[in-house]
Amino acid sequence: MKTKNTLATLVLTGMIVLLTGTFALAEGLATQAGAFPYFQLGCLILGGGIMLSLKNKYDRIFTSEAVGVFALYTLFVALFTNPVIDAIKALVS
């Protein structure tokens, strides 16, 4: 039972690092040199830590559910960055 929980935590940790790294890479390529969204990156790191602690505390949370929730959280955080907002403004007007 302990090995299964450790494996699930490692998988979730890997996905959190992968999604956060993808966000940082995409935002780094899309923004100017001094306009990187550090606040949103911090929110992602904090949210990943909270997701890991919830997964460790409650055994009934499936790993796929936790990964899906964090993927959606990453998407929503990315929607509120300046490059995405500027692209939506240009698309609407």
Protein backbone atom coordinates (compact mmCIF):
# COMPACT_ATOMS: atom_id res chain seq x y z
CA MET A 1 0.00 0.00 0.00
CA LYS A 2 2.83 2.40 0.84
CA THR A 3 4.63 1.73 -2.47
CA LYS A 4 1.49 2.53 -4.45
CA ASN A 5 1.07 5.85 -2.63
CA THR A 6 4.75 6.72 -3.19
CA LEU A 7 4.47 5.94 -6.90
CA ALA A 8 1.32 8.08 -7.20
CA THR A 9 3.08 10.96 -5.46
CA LEU A 10 6.06 10.67 -7.81
CA VAL A 11 3.80 10.65 -10.87
CA LEU A 12 1.89 13.69 -9.61
CA THR A 13 5.13 15.51 -8.77
CA GLY A 14 6.50 14.80 -12.24
CA MET A 15 3.37 16.12 -13.92
CA ILE A 16 3.36 19.25 -11.75
CA VAL A 17 6.99 19.96 -12.66
CA LEU A 18 6.28 19.26 -16.34
CA LEU A 19 3.22 21.51 -16.50
CA THR A 20 4.89 24.31 -14.55
CA GLY A 21 7.97 24.08 -16.74
CA THR A 22 5.85 24.18 -19.88
CA PHE A 23 4.08 27.28 -18.58
CA ALA A 24 7.39 28.98 -17.79
CA LEU A 25 8.83 28.13 -21.21
CA ALA A 26 5.75 29.32 -23.10
CA GLU A 27 5.50 32.54 -21.14
CA GLY A 28 9.22 33.17 -21.48
CA LEU A 29 8.94 32.88 -25.25
CA ALA A 30 5.77 34.98 -25.46
CA THR A 31 6.77 37.93 -23.29
CA GLN A 32 9.43 40.61 -23.49
CA ALA A 33 12.60 40.40 -21.42
CA GLY A 34 11.30 42.27 -18.37
CA ALA A 35 7.66 41.20 -18.39
CA PHE A 36 7.81 37.59 -17.20
CA PRO A 37 4.76 36.74 -15.02
CA TYR A 38 6.55 35.74 -11.82
CA PHE A 39 3.38 36.08 -9.76
CA GLN A 40 1.54 33.51 -11.90
CA LEU A 41 4.55 31.19 -11.76
CA GLY A 42 4.54 31.48 -7.98
CA CYS A 43 0.82 30.72 -7.93
CA LEU A 44 1.46 27.56 -9.96
CA ILE A 45 4.24 26.42 -7.64
CA LEU A 46 2.10 27.08 -4.57
CA GLY A 47 -0.90 25.34 -6.17
CA GLY A 48 1.26 22.31 -6.98
CA GLY A 49 2.39 22.08 -3.39
CA ILE A 50 -1.19 22.28 -2.17
CA MET A 51 -2.24 19.58 -4.64
CA LEU A 52 0.57 17.30 -3.44
CA SER A 53 -0.38 17.81 0.20
CA LEU A 54 -4.03 17.07 -0.55
CA LYS A 55 -3.07 13.91 -2.45
CA ASN A 56 -0.96 12.73 0.48
CA LYS A 57 -3.62 13.54 3.06
CA TYR A 58 -6.62 12.00 1.29
CA ASP A 59 -6.12 8.52 -0.13
CA ARG A 60 -9.35 8.59 -2.12
CA ILE A 61 -8.07 11.20 -4.58
CA PHE A 62 -6.99 9.40 -7.72
CA THR A 63 -3.74 10.41 -9.37
CA SER A 64 -5.46 11.05 -12.70
CA GLU A 65 -7.94 13.38 -11.00
CA ALA A 66 -5.15 15.34 -9.30
CA VAL A 67 -3.21 15.65 -12.57
CA GLY A 68 -6.35 16.79 -14.39
CA VAL A 69 -7.16 19.37 -11.75
CA PHE A 70 -3.64 20.77 -11.87
CA ALA A 71 -3.68 20.85 -15.69
CA LEU A 72 -6.90 22.87 -15.62
CA TYR A 73 -5.45 25.13 -12.94
CA THR A 74 -2.40 25.73 -15.14
CA LEU A 75 -4.67 26.58 -18.07
CA PHE A 76 -6.69 29.05 -16.01
CA VAL A 77 -3.58 30.74 -14.62
CA ALA A 78 -2.17 31.02 -18.15
CA LEU A 79 -5.38 32.66 -19.34
CA PHE A 80 -4.78 35.58 -17.00
CA THR A 81 -1.32 36.54 -18.23
CA ASN A 82 -0.70 39.62 -20.35
CA PRO A 83 0.18 37.87 -23.65
CA VAL A 84 -3.02 35.82 -23.61
CA ILE A 85 -5.16 38.80 -22.62
CA ASP A 86 -3.59 40.87 -25.41
CA ALA A 87 -4.26 38.08 -27.92
CA ILE A 88 -7.91 37.84 -26.82
CA LYS A 89 -8.29 41.63 -27.10
CA ALA A 90 -6.86 41.54 -30.63
CA LEU A 91 -9.14 38.64 -31.55
CA VAL A 92 -12.28 40.38 -30.27
CA SER A 93 -11.59 43.81 -31.76
